[in-house]
Protein backbone atom coordinates (compact mmCIF):
# COMPACT_ATOMS: atom_id res chain seq x y z
CA MET A 1 -17.04 -19.01 11.17
CA GLY A 2 -15.15 -19.71 14.99
CA ARG A 3 -14.13 -17.32 16.75
CA ILE A 4 -11.13 -18.69 17.41
CA LEU A 5 -10.66 -20.07 14.04
CA ALA A 6 -11.86 -15.92 12.59
CA PHE A 7 -8.32 -14.82 14.88
CA LEU A 8 -6.30 -17.49 13.29
CA TYR A 9 -6.95 -16.66 9.81
CA GLY A 10 -6.48 -12.99 10.48
CA VAL A 11 -3.32 -13.54 12.37
CA LEU A 12 -1.83 -15.82 9.28
CA CYS A 13 -3.30 -13.28 6.63
CA TYR A 14 -1.41 -10.59 8.67
CA ALA A 15 1.89 -12.82 9.16
CA VAL A 16 1.76 -13.46 4.65
CA PHE A 17 1.43 -9.70 4.02
CA PHE A 18 4.29 -8.65 5.94
CA LEU A 19 6.32 -11.46 4.75
CA VAL A 20 5.71 -10.49 1.30
CA PHE A 21 5.83 -7.09 2.28
CA LEU A 22 9.84 -7.59 2.88
CA TYR A 23 10.11 -9.38 0.36
CA LEU A 24 8.74 -6.39 -2.08
CA ILE A 25 11.49 -4.39 -0.09
CA GLY A 26 14.80 -6.61 -1.88
CA PHE A 27 12.47 -7.23 -4.76
CA ILE A 28 12.77 -3.75 -6.33
CA ALA A 29 15.82 -3.34 -5.00
CA ASP A 30 16.70 -6.29 -6.12
CA VAL A 31 18.32 -7.23 -3.29
CA GLY A 32 18.98 -9.82 -0.41
CA VAL A 33 15.92 -12.22 -2.46
CA PRO A 34 16.06 -14.87 -4.40
CA LYS A 35 14.26 -13.72 -7.16
CA GLY A 36 14.54 -9.45 -7.83
CA ILE A 37 13.21 -7.24 -10.33
CA ASP A 38 15.92 -7.79 -12.58
CA ASP A 39 16.50 -11.13 -12.09
CA GLY A 40 16.32 -14.29 -14.48
CA ALA A 41 16.75 -14.58 -18.07
CA ALA A 42 15.51 -11.54 -20.42
CA GLY A 43 13.41 -12.63 -22.92
CA THR A 44 11.56 -10.56 -25.44
CA THR A 45 10.70 -7.21 -24.80
CA GLY A 46 7.34 -6.96 -25.88
CA ILE A 47 6.06 -10.18 -24.45
CA ALA A 48 7.99 -9.10 -20.95
CA PHE A 49 6.50 -5.76 -21.64
CA VAL A 50 2.70 -7.50 -21.83
CA VAL A 51 3.27 -9.89 -19.03
CA ASP A 52 4.35 -7.48 -16.49
CA LEU A 53 1.56 -5.03 -16.77
CA ALA A 54 -0.65 -7.91 -17.15
CA LEU A 55 0.51 -8.69 -12.90
CA ILE A 56 0.30 -5.09 -12.50
CA ALA A 57 -3.60 -4.59 -13.76
CA ALA A 58 -4.18 -7.79 -11.75
CA PHE A 59 -2.83 -6.32 -8.97
CA GLY A 60 -4.66 -2.93 -8.97
CA LEU A 61 -7.86 -4.38 -10.03
CA GLN A 62 -8.16 -6.71 -7.03
CA HIS A 63 -7.25 -3.68 -5.30
CA SER A 64 -10.05 -1.40 -6.32
CA ILE A 65 -12.76 -3.98 -6.75
CA MET A 66 -12.62 -5.60 -2.99
CA ALA A 67 -11.90 -2.32 -1.40
CA ARG A 68 -15.50 -1.24 -2.85
CA ALA A 69 -18.41 -0.87 -0.85
CA GLY A 70 -20.93 -2.66 -2.90
CA PHE A 71 -17.94 -6.18 -3.04
CA LYS A 72 -17.62 -5.59 0.85
CA SER A 73 -21.07 -6.22 1.44
CA TRP A 74 -21.33 -9.53 -1.10
CA LEU A 75 -18.27 -10.58 0.72
CA THR A 76 -19.55 -9.78 4.25
CA ARG A 77 -23.04 -11.67 3.31
CA ARG A 78 -20.57 -15.31 2.43
CA LEU A 79 -17.68 -14.24 5.26
CA SER A 80 -17.94 -13.36 8.85
CA PRO A 81 -17.39 -9.41 8.54
CA ALA A 82 -14.69 -9.54 11.11
CA VAL A 83 -12.75 -11.65 8.22
CA GLU A 84 -13.57 -9.22 5.25
CA ARG A 85 -10.59 -7.22 6.01
CA SER A 86 -8.12 -10.00 6.43
CA THR A 87 -9.35 -11.83 3.51
CA PHE A 88 -8.69 -8.42 0.82
CA VAL A 89 -5.00 -8.18 2.79
CA LEU A 90 -4.31 -12.12 1.91
CA ALA A 91 -5.94 -11.13 -2.07
CA SER A 92 -3.48 -8.72 -2.28
CA SER A 93 -0.38 -10.62 -0.43
CA VAL A 94 -1.33 -13.80 -2.82
CA LEU A 95 -1.11 -11.35 -6.54
CA LEU A 96 2.64 -9.99 -5.24
CA VAL A 97 3.28 -12.99 -4.82
CA LEU A 98 2.62 -13.87 -8.27
CA LEU A 99 4.02 -10.81 -10.16
CA PHE A 100 7.08 -11.59 -7.56
CA TRP A 101 7.05 -15.25 -9.37
CA GLN A 102 5.89 -14.55 -12.88
CA TRP A 103 7.32 -11.14 -13.20
CA GLN A 104 9.81 -10.76 -16.40
CA PRO A 105 12.52 -8.59 -16.24
CA MET A 106 13.83 -6.02 -18.98
CA LYS A 107 17.54 -5.49 -18.25
CA SER A 108 18.28 -2.30 -20.41
CA VAL A 109 18.88 0.43 -18.56
CA VAL A 110 17.30 3.90 -18.95
CA TRP A 111 19.53 5.98 -16.75
CA SER A 112 22.36 4.58 -14.23
CA VAL A 113 23.40 7.54 -11.50
CA SER A 114 27.52 6.63 -10.72
CA ASP A 115 27.88 9.20 -8.68
CA PRO A 116 28.40 7.70 -4.78
CA MET A 117 27.16 10.17 -2.36
CA ALA A 118 23.66 10.37 -5.58
CA VAL A 119 23.63 6.41 -5.05
CA GLY A 120 23.68 6.90 -1.32
CA LEU A 121 21.12 9.74 -1.49
CA LEU A 122 19.03 7.70 -4.16
CA TRP A 123 19.34 4.51 -1.52
CA GLY A 124 18.32 6.29 1.43
CA LEU A 125 15.38 7.99 0.05
CA TYR A 126 14.18 4.32 -1.15
CA LEU A 127 14.19 3.49 2.37
CA PHE A 128 12.85 6.63 3.61
CA GLY A 129 9.91 6.11 1.51
CA PHE A 130 9.20 2.39 2.68
CA GLY A 131 9.19 3.49 6.29
CA MET A 132 7.11 6.54 5.54
CA VAL A 133 4.82 3.70 4.53
CA LEU A 134 4.91 1.53 7.80
CA ALA A 135 4.61 4.51 9.93
CA SER A 136 1.75 6.26 8.50
CA SER A 137 0.47 3.15 8.93
CA PHE A 138 0.61 2.86 12.36
CA ILE A 139 -0.45 6.63 12.56
CA ILE A 140 -4.17 5.69 11.04
CA ASP A 141 -4.08 2.04 12.96
CA HIS A 142 -1.79 -0.32 11.49
CA PHE A 143 -3.52 -3.38 12.84
CA ASP A 144 -7.13 -2.11 11.83
CA LEU A 145 -5.63 -1.76 8.19
CA PHE A 146 -4.19 -5.09 8.00
CA GLY A 147 -7.33 -7.11 9.78
CA LEU A 148 -5.84 -8.00 13.28
CA ARG A 149 -8.28 -5.60 15.32
CA GLN A 150 -10.68 -6.96 13.47
CA VAL A 151 -10.53 -10.39 14.64
CA TRP A 152 -9.23 -9.88 17.80
CA LEU A 153 -12.22 -7.65 18.80
CA HIS A 154 -14.29 -10.27 17.53
CA LEU A 155 -12.59 -13.16 19.17
CA LEU A 156 -13.76 -10.94 22.51
CA GLN A 157 -17.27 -10.95 21.39
CA ARG A 158 -16.80 -7.12 21.30
CA ARG A 159 -18.30 -4.55 18.94
CA TYR A 160 -15.98 -3.26 16.27
CA VAL A 161 -15.73 0.29 15.60
CA HIS A 162 -14.36 2.04 12.78
CA PRO A 163 -11.69 4.14 13.93
CA PRO A 164 -12.38 7.86 13.88
CA PHE A 165 -10.82 10.32 12.17
CA MET A 166 -8.15 12.11 12.87
CA VAL A 167 -5.41 14.25 11.31
CA THR A 168 -1.78 14.25 12.79
CA TRP A 169 1.97 13.84 12.03
CA MET A 170 2.33 13.01 8.44
CA TYR A 171 -1.17 13.45 7.78
CA ARG A 172 -1.26 17.20 8.08
CA VAL A 173 1.58 17.83 5.75
CA VAL A 174 -0.39 15.08 2.92
CA ARG A 175 -3.50 13.66 2.72
CA HIS A 176 -1.90 10.43 1.68
CA PRO A 177 1.91 9.61 3.52
CA LEU A 178 1.52 6.18 2.67
CA TYR A 179 0.77 6.53 -1.42
CA ALA A 180 3.58 8.90 -1.24
CA GLY A 181 6.08 6.36 0.76
CA MET A 182 5.63 3.82 -1.86
CA LEU A 183 5.98 6.94 -4.97
CA LEU A 184 9.00 7.85 -3.33
CA ALA A 185 10.32 3.99 -2.89
CA PHE A 186 9.47 3.37 -6.71
CA TRP A 187 11.04 6.16 -8.40
CA SER A 188 14.47 6.41 -5.81
CA ALA A 189 16.74 4.14 -8.60
CA PRO A 190 20.14 4.69 -8.37
CA THR A 191 19.72 2.26 -11.82
CA MET A 192 16.43 2.30 -13.64
CA THR A 193 16.36 -0.52 -15.67
CA LEU A 194 13.36 -0.74 -18.72
CA GLY A 195 11.62 -3.33 -15.93
CA ARG A 196 11.58 -1.54 -13.07
CA LEU A 197 10.38 1.67 -15.07
CA VAL A 198 7.22 -0.51 -16.38
CA PHE A 199 6.80 -1.17 -12.81
CA ALA A 200 7.08 2.30 -11.41
CA ILE A 201 4.62 3.79 -13.76
CA GLY A 202 2.19 1.14 -13.53
CA MET A 203 2.21 0.77 -10.19
CA SER A 204 1.87 4.54 -9.81
CA ALA A 205 -0.54 4.80 -12.68
CA TYR A 206 -2.26 2.71 -10.40
CA ILE A 207 -2.12 4.73 -7.09
CA GLY A 208 -3.72 7.79 -8.86
CA ILE A 209 -6.41 5.85 -10.44
CA GLY A 210 -6.91 4.31 -6.69
CA VAL A 211 -6.78 7.21 -4.95
CA ARG A 212 -9.39 8.95 -6.41
CA TYR A 213 -11.98 6.22 -5.91
CA GLU A 214 -10.86 5.95 -1.93
CA GLU A 215 -11.36 9.67 -1.56
CA ARG A 216 -14.51 9.36 -2.75
CA ASP A 217 -15.50 6.75 -0.66
CA LEU A 218 -13.67 8.54 2.38
CA VAL A 219 -16.01 11.93 1.45
CA ARG A 220 -19.19 9.68 1.40
CA PHE A 221 -18.03 7.86 4.37
CA ILE A 222 -16.91 11.07 6.99
CA GLY A 223 -18.63 13.91 5.07
CA GLN A 224 -17.78 17.35 5.68
CA ASP A 225 -15.12 16.87 8.18
CA TYR A 226 -12.99 14.93 5.21
CA GLN A 227 -14.11 17.34 2.41
CA ARG A 228 -12.84 20.36 4.86
CA TYR A 229 -9.49 18.27 4.98
CA ARG A 230 -9.46 18.48 1.42
CA GLU A 231 -9.36 21.23 0.49
CA ARG A 232 -6.93 22.36 2.95
CA VAL A 233 -4.13 19.65 2.89
CA PRO A 234 -2.76 18.46 -0.62
CA MET A 235 -3.41 14.55 -1.80
CA ILE A 236 0.14 13.58 -2.47
CA VAL A 237 2.91 16.40 -3.11
CA PRO A 238 3.89 18.72 0.42
CA ARG A 239 2.81 22.21 -0.39
CA PRO A 240 4.51 24.99 1.05
CA GLY A 241 2.25 26.68 3.19
CA ALA A 242 0.01 23.93 3.55
CA SER A 243 -1.54 22.42 6.66
CA HIS A 244 -3.68 21.26 8.87
CA GLU A 245 -4.62 21.56 12.45
CA VAL A 246 -4.35 18.70 14.82
CA VAL A 247 -7.23 16.50 15.07
CA ARG A 248 -7.19 13.96 17.15
CA PRO A 249 -10.70 11.85 18.62
CA ARG A 250 -12.30 12.81 22.22
CA GLY A 251 -10.25 11.82 24.98
CA THR A 252 -6.88 11.23 23.29
CA THR A 253 -3.97 13.65 24.45
CA SER A 254 -1.60 12.70 21.95
CA GLY A 255 -0.23 11.31 18.11
């Protein structure tokens, strides 16, 4: 694959991801998008439950399979290694679009909050959760995480070096603030319908399973530094008194 084509492909994948991420915020909130999580005609609850779980499972399987070293090795024998991450991002985005399109609403209300202050607090936590997702991605290198750094270096014919392991900001409090932000957003619902509850439970289960495979890979890739980090800092839920010293790559003066 030519360097320019690879770069344009990476930019396209990132653009698709960014639009899908914005749509996800509106989809779960059921605000400002053509089809939200509770929009559409409600059908049979049993069928809707099976379809929605299948959509979540497809997204989770794609993430889990494509993130494994064996699959990456297989893919990079067929595509330029520079676009491996972009391809992962594109596949994830496509499956989220499929979920938005085919999601079956289940409109029964499980719980509802009516107090205006409580409603405002929950919406604030919802936005704060997605803010955590975005902020934590920049702390660990947003453009590497979503494939742009790889295709840019490839375009310049510079060797790709994986970002160094570093612990700073939110990563001193929990090991996975990105997942913590997602969970906060998924569960901060002033009105929790059955459909949104299925989404929250399904995605939370995926995070709970996926993060353990991810940690196994991190220990294998980083080694004892990450193992010590695991011993000091909780995975997702902050623990009073638990923190880790700020660790920055050599020569870095700020987080």
